[in-house]
């Protein structure tokens, strides 16, 4: 079974993550997701990145991370490169956050241009400190750029988990809708964004995020080396 589903709906390429009960981010999923983003770019489609009902993603596949130091380094590096890629994707990227979003799930949200969440008893946030993981540099620099300062400190270093409404205030999401309205809203935004001058969008996106992208390029390698040396 494919870990990523790709479907064209009007101007949108709807890319749905579908990897088990909590939609973990594995190396295999990253490979399929990057291929789907390649296809969407070739088709000049607006990307709608969605999860499964009730769960956007529970974060990295911890079983894979425990296989070896190299496996952990490869997975964290792959996730960081995905977030960096989303920030610079040439066409608008809309996240359809279908429920809970934890750790790497949130880094995906932070890489997207517009994020729609759903109402409900869902938790969104960075739980690395809670489970005993020192935050890697990408996990600091990306939230620093996109979260409000007060929430940046509470979420990154105190592992505060947020409701969808509070996640909107913090900067993980841009709006919250009823679950039954999520797809309609995401597709409507895709049609709206398709009317932009997409060349200007792509050039402006990279220009406005130039410093962040350069920082991520630098710290991705630092993070990888730190994992390989088991220094964090």
Protein backbone atom coordinates (compact mmCIF):
# COMPACT_ATOMS: atom_id res chain seq x y z
CA UNK A 1 0.00 0.00 0.00
CA UNK A 2 1.22 3.46 -0.87
CA UNK A 3 2.08 5.70 2.07
CA UNK A 4 1.10 8.81 0.12
CA UNK A 5 -1.96 9.29 -2.06
CA UNK A 6 -1.89 11.76 -4.95
CA UNK A 7 -5.09 13.10 -6.50
CA UNK A 8 -5.78 16.08 -8.77
CA UNK A 9 -8.82 18.14 -7.85
CA UNK A 10 -9.08 21.22 -10.02
CA UNK A 11 -6.08 23.47 -9.43
CA UNK A 12 -4.97 21.36 -6.47
CA UNK A 13 -2.75 18.34 -6.14
CA UNK A 14 -4.12 16.75 -2.97
CA UNK A 15 -1.31 14.80 -1.33
CA UNK A 16 -2.56 12.68 1.57
CA UNK A 17 -0.28 11.03 4.14
CA UNK A 18 -1.56 7.56 5.01
CA UNK A 19 0.90 5.67 7.17
CA UNK A 20 -0.84 3.73 9.90
CA UNK A 21 -2.85 4.77 12.92
CA UNK A 22 -0.79 7.86 13.77
CA UNK A 23 0.58 8.68 10.31
CA UNK A 24 4.24 8.46 11.30
CA UNK A 25 6.92 10.05 9.16
CA UNK A 26 9.26 7.30 7.97
CA UNK A 27 12.03 7.31 5.38
CA UNK A 28 9.74 5.46 2.99
CA UNK A 29 7.00 8.05 3.44
CA UNK A 30 9.48 10.89 2.90
CA UNK A 31 10.60 9.30 -0.36
CA UNK A 32 7.01 9.02 -1.61
CA UNK A 33 6.13 12.51 -0.42
CA UNK A 34 9.10 14.06 -2.20
CA UNK A 35 8.10 12.21 -5.38
CA UNK A 36 4.56 13.58 -5.02
CA UNK A 37 5.91 17.11 -4.62
CA UNK A 38 8.02 16.60 -7.74
CA UNK A 39 4.91 15.58 -9.64
CA UNK A 40 2.89 18.53 -8.34
CA UNK A 41 5.63 20.94 -9.41
CA UNK A 42 5.77 19.39 -12.88
CA UNK A 43 1.98 19.82 -13.14
CA UNK A 44 2.21 23.40 -11.79
CA UNK A 45 -0.43 22.49 -9.21
CA UNK A 46 -1.24 24.14 -5.91
CA UNK A 47 -0.37 21.61 -3.21
CA UNK A 48 -2.89 20.57 -0.56
CA UNK A 49 -1.06 18.44 1.99
CA UNK A 50 -3.48 16.44 4.14
CA UNK A 51 -3.50 13.76 6.82
CA UNK A 52 -5.99 11.08 7.78
CA UNK A 53 -9.20 11.70 9.70
CA UNK A 54 -8.30 12.79 13.22
CA UNK A 55 -4.52 12.80 12.68
CA UNK A 56 -2.25 14.89 10.50
CA UNK A 57 0.92 13.23 11.78
CA UNK A 58 2.24 11.91 15.07
CA UNK A 59 5.81 12.72 14.07
CA UNK A 60 8.82 10.61 13.19
CA UNK A 61 8.69 6.83 13.16
CA UNK A 62 10.41 6.20 16.51
CA UNK A 63 10.95 2.51 15.73
CA UNK A 64 12.98 3.47 12.68
CA UNK A 65 14.93 6.02 14.71
CA UNK A 66 15.96 3.28 17.16
CA UNK A 67 17.41 0.99 14.49
CA UNK A 68 20.79 2.73 14.49
CA UNK A 69 22.44 6.12 14.87
CA UNK A 70 22.71 6.32 11.09
CA UNK A 71 19.00 5.56 10.67
CA UNK A 72 18.16 8.31 13.14
CA UNK A 73 20.46 10.77 11.38
CA UNK A 74 19.00 9.90 7.98
CA UNK A 75 15.41 10.30 9.17
CA UNK A 76 15.94 13.60 10.99
CA UNK A 77 17.92 14.97 8.05
CA UNK A 78 15.22 13.86 5.62
CA UNK A 79 12.51 15.52 7.70
CA UNK A 80 14.49 18.74 7.97
CA UNK A 81 15.11 18.80 4.24
CA UNK A 82 11.38 18.28 3.64
CA UNK A 83 10.46 21.26 5.82
CA UNK A 84 13.09 23.33 4.02
CA UNK A 85 11.76 22.17 0.66
CA UNK A 86 8.20 23.15 1.55
CA UNK A 87 9.35 26.64 2.51
CA UNK A 88 10.82 27.10 -0.97
CA UNK A 89 8.32 25.10 -3.05
CA UNK A 90 7.61 27.10 -6.23
CA UNK A 91 3.83 26.86 -5.88
CA UNK A 92 1.63 27.61 -2.85
CA UNK A 93 1.41 24.81 -0.29
CA UNK A 94 -1.73 24.49 1.83
CA UNK A 95 -1.76 22.20 4.86
CA UNK A 96 -5.08 20.53 5.66
CA UNK A 97 -4.41 19.57 9.28
CA UNK A 98 -6.98 16.85 9.87
CA UNK A 99 -6.49 16.50 13.65
CA UNK A 100 -3.55 15.89 15.96
CA UNK A 101 -0.16 17.10 14.78
CA UNK A 102 2.94 16.38 16.85
CA UNK A 103 6.68 17.01 16.48
CA UNK A 104 7.65 16.45 12.80
CA UNK A 105 3.98 16.85 11.93
CA UNK A 106 4.25 20.41 13.21
CA UNK A 107 7.46 21.07 11.32
CA UNK A 108 5.56 20.17 8.17
CA UNK A 109 2.86 22.67 9.14
CA UNK A 110 5.50 25.33 9.74
CA UNK A 111 6.90 24.73 6.25
CA UNK A 112 3.57 25.31 4.51
CA UNK A 113 2.30 28.65 3.22
CA UNK A 114 -1.21 28.40 4.67
CA UNK A 115 -2.44 25.98 7.34
CA UNK A 116 -6.06 25.02 8.00
CA UNK A 117 -6.93 23.01 11.09
CA UNK A 118 -10.14 21.40 12.27
CA UNK A 119 -12.22 21.93 15.38
CA UNK A 120 -12.11 19.17 17.96
CA UNK A 121 -10.21 17.81 20.98
CA UNK A 122 -6.94 17.72 19.08
CA UNK A 123 -3.42 18.53 20.26
CA UNK A 124 -0.83 20.36 18.20
CA UNK A 125 2.72 20.96 19.31
CA UNK A 126 6.33 19.95 19.78
CA UNK A 127 6.73 17.23 22.41
CA UNK A 128 10.44 16.51 22.00
CA UNK A 129 11.43 17.85 25.43
CA UNK A 130 8.60 15.89 27.06
CA UNK A 131 9.93 12.59 25.69
CA UNK A 132 13.56 13.36 26.50
CA UNK A 133 14.87 14.57 23.15
CA UNK A 134 17.01 17.71 23.02
CA UNK A 135 15.64 19.84 20.20
CA UNK A 136 17.75 19.90 17.06
CA UNK A 137 18.73 23.21 15.47
CA UNK A 138 16.15 23.02 12.68
CA UNK A 139 13.53 22.38 15.36
CA UNK A 140 14.52 25.68 16.94
CA UNK A 141 15.10 27.90 13.92
CA UNK A 142 11.91 27.03 12.05
CA UNK A 143 9.54 27.70 15.00
CA UNK A 144 11.55 30.82 15.87
CA UNK A 145 10.64 32.22 12.46
CA UNK A 146 6.97 31.24 12.36
CA UNK A 147 5.65 31.23 15.94
CA UNK A 148 4.85 34.19 18.15
CA UNK A 149 7.79 34.74 20.55
CA UNK A 150 5.84 33.79 23.68
CA UNK A 151 4.62 30.57 22.10
CA UNK A 152 8.04 29.85 20.62
CA UNK A 153 9.52 29.53 24.11
CA UNK A 154 6.54 27.67 25.56
CA UNK A 155 6.27 25.18 22.71
CA UNK A 156 9.93 24.51 21.94
CA UNK A 157 11.42 24.39 25.43
CA UNK A 158 8.37 23.60 27.59
CA UNK A 159 6.68 21.18 25.17
CA UNK A 160 3.30 22.88 25.54
CA UNK A 161 0.62 21.18 23.48
CA UNK A 162 -2.09 23.41 22.05
CA UNK A 163 -5.71 23.18 21.00
CA UNK A 164 -6.41 24.02 17.35
CA UNK A 165 -7.63 27.47 18.39
CA UNK A 166 -4.50 28.20 20.44
CA UNK A 167 -2.34 26.74 17.66
CA UNK A 168 -3.85 29.37 15.37
CA UNK A 169 -2.88 32.14 17.79
CA UNK A 170 0.61 30.66 18.18
CA UNK A 171 1.32 30.37 14.45
CA UNK A 172 1.09 26.64 13.74
CA UNK A 173 -2.23 27.22 11.94
CA UNK A 174 -3.86 30.12 10.09
CA UNK A 175 -7.48 29.17 10.62
CA UNK A 176 -9.74 26.47 12.04
CA UNK A 177 -12.89 25.08 10.41
CA UNK A 178 -15.36 22.30 11.11
CA UNK A 179 -14.00 18.91 9.94
CA UNK A 180 -16.66 18.60 7.25
CA UNK A 181 -15.58 21.97 5.80
CA UNK A 182 -11.85 21.25 5.62
CA UNK A 183 -11.58 19.84 2.11
CA UNK A 184 -13.93 22.43 0.62
CA UNK A 185 -11.99 25.27 2.23
CA UNK A 186 -8.61 23.92 1.14
CA UNK A 187 -9.74 23.41 -2.45
CA UNK A 188 -11.29 26.89 -2.55
CA UNK A 189 -7.99 28.39 -1.43
CA UNK A 190 -6.16 26.36 -4.08
CA UNK A 191 -8.39 27.84 -6.76
CA UNK A 192 -7.82 31.32 -5.31
CA UNK A 193 -4.05 30.90 -5.23
CA UNK A 194 -4.02 29.54 -8.78
CA UNK A 195 -5.02 33.04 -9.90
CA UNK A 196 -1.79 34.52 -8.54
CA UNK A 197 1.14 35.25 -10.78
CA UNK A 198 2.88 32.07 -9.74
CA UNK A 199 6.28 33.07 -11.06
CA UNK A 200 6.17 36.18 -8.88
CA UNK A 201 4.97 34.04 -5.97
CA UNK A 202 7.92 31.66 -6.31
CA UNK A 203 10.52 34.41 -6.58
CA UNK A 204 9.05 36.42 -3.70
CA UNK A 205 8.79 33.36 -1.44
CA UNK A 206 12.48 32.58 -1.80
CA UNK A 207 13.43 36.24 -1.38
CA UNK A 208 11.39 36.76 1.78
CA UNK A 209 12.72 33.54 3.32
CA UNK A 210 16.30 33.92 2.11
CA UNK A 211 17.87 34.21 5.56
CA UNK A 212 15.84 31.36 7.04
CA UNK A 213 16.62 29.05 4.12
CA UNK A 214 20.33 29.85 4.43
CA UNK A 215 20.22 29.16 8.17
CA UNK A 216 18.48 25.84 7.62
CA UNK A 217 21.01 24.82 4.99
CA UNK A 218 23.76 25.43 7.55
CA UNK A 219 22.18 23.75 10.56
CA UNK A 220 20.82 20.67 8.77
CA UNK A 221 24.38 19.45 8.35
CA UNK A 222 25.29 20.48 11.90
CA UNK A 223 22.32 18.47 13.21
CA UNK A 224 23.30 15.43 11.17
CA UNK A 225 26.85 15.50 12.43
CA UNK A 226 25.66 15.94 16.01
CA UNK A 227 23.44 12.88 15.74
CA UNK A 228 26.24 10.81 14.26
CA UNK A 229 28.45 11.85 17.16
CA UNK A 230 25.58 11.40 19.65
CA UNK A 231 26.19 14.83 21.11
CA UNK A 232 22.51 15.68 21.62
